[in-house]
Amino acid sequence: MPNYYDLKCDKECSENCKDGGSNLTQCYKTARCNGCKTGFMGNTCETPCYENCTSCEQDTGVCDKCSNNTMHGTYCNNTCSPTCIDNKCNKDTGVCNHGCTKCTGVTNAVVEDYEQVDN
């Protein structure tokens, strides 16, 4: 069931507004949504999240979760290193989840005791 806004309650909230429950409206007097459904962002939740995001922050578009763990970064727009096992890495840091598949001077080795070094 849609929710309405404006002084006369004659304008319908965006279909992408998060359902506020039975006692809450989906949007404010200005049409700004009180949260977005998964996959949308912006005041009225009409803008899809970035391509590789499954969900994102309403105001900033920062990805909460990448659509797969072969991507990383604020907007899930960076590819994990091809030398990560299964190309999988941490969304925030880009550090390989399961170690490396190829290391300089070592063939088909898996590095188990990996420590990130900051330069």
C-alpha atoms as a PDB file:
ATOM      1  CA  MET A   1       0.000   0.000   0.000  1.00  0.00           C
ATOM      2  CA  PRO A   2       1.559   3.329  -1.003  1.00  0.00           C
ATOM      3  CA  ASN A   3       2.187   6.151   1.421  1.00  0.00           C
ATOM      4  CA  TYR A   4       1.503   9.801   0.659  1.00  0.00           C
ATOM      5  CA  TYR A   5       3.149  13.110   1.499  1.00  0.00           C
ATOM      6  CA  ASP A   6       2.772  16.889   1.131  1.00  0.00           C
ATOM      7  CA  LEU A   7       0.494  19.146   3.125  1.00  0.00           C
ATOM      8  CA  LYS A   8      -2.608  17.696   1.481  1.00  0.00           C
ATOM      9  CA  CYS A   9      -1.228  14.128   1.484  1.00  0.00           C
ATOM     10  CA  ASP A  10      -1.960  13.968  -2.230  1.00  0.00           C
ATOM     11  CA  LYS A  11       1.464  12.944  -3.566  1.00  0.00           C
ATOM     12  CA  GLU A  12       2.624   9.358  -3.531  1.00  0.00           C
ATOM     13  CA  CYS A  13       5.996   8.347  -2.049  1.00  0.00           C
ATOM     14  CA  SER A  14       8.489   6.692  -4.379  1.00  0.00           C
ATOM     15  CA  GLU A  15       7.957   2.964  -4.845  1.00  0.00           C
ATOM     16  CA  ASN A  16      11.633   2.548  -3.883  1.00  0.00           C
ATOM     17  CA  CYS A  17      11.158   4.031  -0.400  1.00  0.00           C
ATOM     18  CA  LYS A  18      11.696   1.504   2.360  1.00  0.00           C
ATOM     19  CA  ASP A  19       8.461   0.433   4.012  1.00  0.00           C
ATOM     20  CA  GLY A  20       8.242   2.339   7.277  1.00  0.00           C
ATOM     21  CA  GLY A  21       5.864  -0.113   8.928  1.00  0.00           C
ATOM     22  CA  SER A  22       2.244   0.425   9.871  1.00  0.00           C
ATOM     23  CA  ASN A  23       2.850   3.507  12.031  1.00  0.00           C
ATOM     24  CA  LEU A  24       5.541   5.215   9.950  1.00  0.00           C
ATOM     25  CA  THR A  25       5.362   6.921   6.593  1.00  0.00           C
ATOM     26  CA  GLN A  26       7.711   5.907   3.810  1.00  0.00           C
ATOM     27  CA  CYS A  27       8.618   9.508   3.036  1.00  0.00           C
ATOM     28  CA  TYR A  28       8.584  12.941   4.632  1.00  0.00           C
ATOM     29  CA  LYS A  29       6.641  16.099   3.664  1.00  0.00           C
ATOM     30  CA  THR A  30       9.331  16.833   1.072  1.00  0.00           C
ATOM     31  CA  ALA A  31       9.151  13.393  -0.641  1.00  0.00           C
ATOM     32  CA  ARG A  32      12.519  12.394   0.908  1.00  0.00           C
ATOM     33  CA  CYS A  33      12.322   8.699   1.688  1.00  0.00           C
ATOM     34  CA  ASN A  34      12.722   7.454   5.217  1.00  0.00           C
ATOM     35  CA  GLY A  35      15.282   4.917   3.940  1.00  0.00           C
ATOM     36  CA  CYS A  36      15.548   3.139   0.585  1.00  0.00           C
ATOM     37  CA  LYS A  37      14.762  -0.374  -0.526  1.00  0.00           C
ATOM     38  CA  THR A  38      17.860  -2.485  -1.165  1.00  0.00           C
ATOM     39  CA  GLY A  39      19.661  -1.403  -4.322  1.00  0.00           C
ATOM     40  CA  PHE A  40      18.606   2.274  -4.358  1.00  0.00           C
ATOM     41  CA  MET A  41      19.917   5.621  -3.068  1.00  0.00           C
ATOM     42  CA  GLY A  42      19.135   9.344  -3.110  1.00  0.00           C
ATOM     43  CA  ASN A  43      16.475  11.534  -1.509  1.00  0.00           C
ATOM     44  CA  THR A  44      13.614   9.810  -3.309  1.00  0.00           C
ATOM     45  CA  CYS A  45      15.467   6.493  -3.811  1.00  0.00           C
ATOM     46  CA  GLU A  46      15.144   6.716  -7.589  1.00  0.00           C
ATOM     47  CA  THR A  47      18.884   6.256  -8.245  1.00  0.00           C
ATOM     48  CA  PRO A  48      20.206   2.689  -8.391  1.00  0.00           C
ATOM     49  CA  CYS A  49      23.275   1.886  -6.296  1.00  0.00           C
ATOM     50  CA  TYR A  50      26.560   1.658  -8.194  1.00  0.00           C
ATOM     51  CA  GLU A  51      26.925  -1.254 -10.609  1.00  0.00           C
ATOM     52  CA  ASN A  52      28.735  -3.720  -8.322  1.00  0.00           C
ATOM     53  CA  CYS A  53      26.824  -2.866  -5.108  1.00  0.00           C
ATOM     54  CA  THR A  54      23.964  -4.917  -3.737  1.00  0.00           C
ATOM     55  CA  SER A  55      23.127  -2.219  -1.188  1.00  0.00           C
ATOM     56  CA  CYS A  56      24.375   1.296  -0.488  1.00  0.00           C
ATOM     57  CA  GLU A  57      23.996   4.296   1.833  1.00  0.00           C
ATOM     58  CA  GLN A  58      21.013   6.484   0.940  1.00  0.00           C
ATOM     59  CA  ASP A  59      22.863   9.824   1.065  1.00  0.00           C
ATOM     60  CA  THR A  60      26.390   8.972  -0.127  1.00  0.00           C
ATOM     61  CA  GLY A  61      25.992   5.916  -2.338  1.00  0.00           C
ATOM     62  CA  VAL A  62      28.829   4.208  -0.440  1.00  0.00           C
ATOM     63  CA  CYS A  63      28.414   0.465  -0.895  1.00  0.00           C
ATOM     64  CA  ASP A  64      27.455  -1.551   2.160  1.00  0.00           C
ATOM     65  CA  LYS A  65      28.111  -4.769   0.285  1.00  0.00           C
ATOM     66  CA  CYS A  66      29.584  -5.674  -3.084  1.00  0.00           C
ATOM     67  CA  SER A  67      27.571  -7.924  -5.400  1.00  0.00           C
ATOM     68  CA  ASN A  68      30.452 -10.411  -5.331  1.00  0.00           C
ATOM     69  CA  ASN A  69      33.675 -10.682  -3.374  1.00  0.00           C
ATOM     70  CA  THR A  70      35.918 -10.284  -6.408  1.00  0.00           C
ATOM     71  CA  MET A  71      35.409  -6.505  -6.129  1.00  0.00           C
ATOM     72  CA  HIS A  72      36.397  -4.047  -3.410  1.00  0.00           C
ATOM     73  CA  GLY A  73      36.473  -0.352  -2.554  1.00  0.00           C
ATOM     74  CA  THR A  74      34.071   2.359  -1.420  1.00  0.00           C
ATOM     75  CA  TYR A  75      31.888   1.877  -4.495  1.00  0.00           C
ATOM     76  CA  CYS A  76      32.942  -1.728  -5.239  1.00  0.00           C
ATOM     77  CA  ASN A  77      34.646  -0.461  -8.372  1.00  0.00           C
ATOM     78  CA  ASN A  78      38.083  -2.036  -7.848  1.00  0.00           C
ATOM     79  CA  THR A  79      38.862  -5.584  -8.948  1.00  0.00           C
ATOM     80  CA  CYS A  80      40.622  -7.879  -6.491  1.00  0.00           C
ATOM     81  CA  SER A  81      44.141  -8.905  -7.453  1.00  0.00           C
ATOM     82  CA  PRO A  82      44.230 -11.748  -9.984  1.00  0.00           C
ATOM     83  CA  THR A  83      46.756 -13.425  -7.690  1.00  0.00           C
ATOM     84  CA  CYS A  84      44.234 -13.731  -4.835  1.00  0.00           C
ATOM     85  CA  ILE A  85      42.944 -17.282  -4.495  1.00  0.00           C
ATOM     86  CA  ASP A  86      39.660 -17.320  -6.446  1.00  0.00           C
ATOM     87  CA  ASN A  87      40.200 -13.553  -7.003  1.00  0.00           C
ATOM     88  CA  LYS A  88      38.406 -12.949  -3.667  1.00  0.00           C
ATOM     89  CA  CYS A  89      39.330 -10.126  -1.322  1.00  0.00           C
ATOM     90  CA  ASN A  90      38.120  -7.970   1.561  1.00  0.00           C
ATOM     91  CA  LYS A  91      35.587  -5.314   0.467  1.00  0.00           C
ATOM     92  CA  ASP A  92      37.214  -2.520   2.483  1.00  0.00           C
ATOM     93  CA  THR A  93      40.938  -3.311   2.230  1.00  0.00           C
ATOM     94  CA  GLY A  94      41.387  -5.370  -0.943  1.00  0.00           C
ATOM     95  CA  VAL A  95      43.484  -7.886   1.055  1.00  0.00           C
ATOM     96  CA  CYS A  96      43.147 -11.421  -0.335  1.00  0.00           C
ATOM     97  CA  ASN A  97      40.646 -13.469   1.710  1.00  0.00           C
ATOM     98  CA  HIS A  98      42.406 -16.808   1.288  1.00  0.00           C
ATOM     99  CA  GLY A  99      45.986 -15.847   0.458  1.00  0.00           C
ATOM    100  CA  CYS A 100      47.873 -15.679  -2.833  1.00  0.00           C
ATOM    101  CA  THR A 101      48.029 -18.142  -5.694  1.00  0.00           C
ATOM    102  CA  LYS A 102      51.195 -16.837  -7.327  1.00  0.00           C
ATOM    103  CA  CYS A 103      54.138 -15.211  -5.658  1.00  0.00           C
ATOM    104  CA  THR A 104      57.384 -13.970  -7.223  1.00  0.00           C
ATOM    105  CA  GLY A 105      59.830 -16.872  -7.423  1.00  0.00           C
ATOM    106  CA  VAL A 106      57.317 -19.432  -6.177  1.00  0.00           C
ATOM    107  CA  THR A 107      55.192 -21.516  -8.520  1.00  0.00           C
ATOM    108  CA  ASN A 108      51.580 -22.341  -7.580  1.00  0.00           C
ATOM    109  CA  ALA A 109      52.251 -21.630  -3.913  1.00  0.00           C
ATOM    110  CA  VAL A 110      49.680 -20.587  -1.360  1.00  0.00           C
ATOM    111  CA  VAL A 111      50.970 -18.055   1.123  1.00  0.00           C
ATOM    112  CA  GLU A 112      49.394 -18.966   4.447  1.00  0.00           C
ATOM    113  CA  ASP A 113      51.204 -16.634   6.835  1.00  0.00           C
ATOM    114  CA  TYR A 114      50.460 -13.369   5.077  1.00  0.00           C
ATOM    115  CA  GLU A 115      51.067 -10.045   6.730  1.00  0.00           C
ATOM    116  CA  GLN A 116      50.084  -6.763   5.093  1.00  0.00           C
ATOM    117  CA  VAL A 117      52.962  -4.308   4.856  1.00  0.00           C
ATOM    118  CA  ASP A 118      52.213  -0.594   4.653  1.00  0.00           C
ATOM    119  CA  ASN A 119      54.720   1.453   2.684  1.00  0.00           C
END
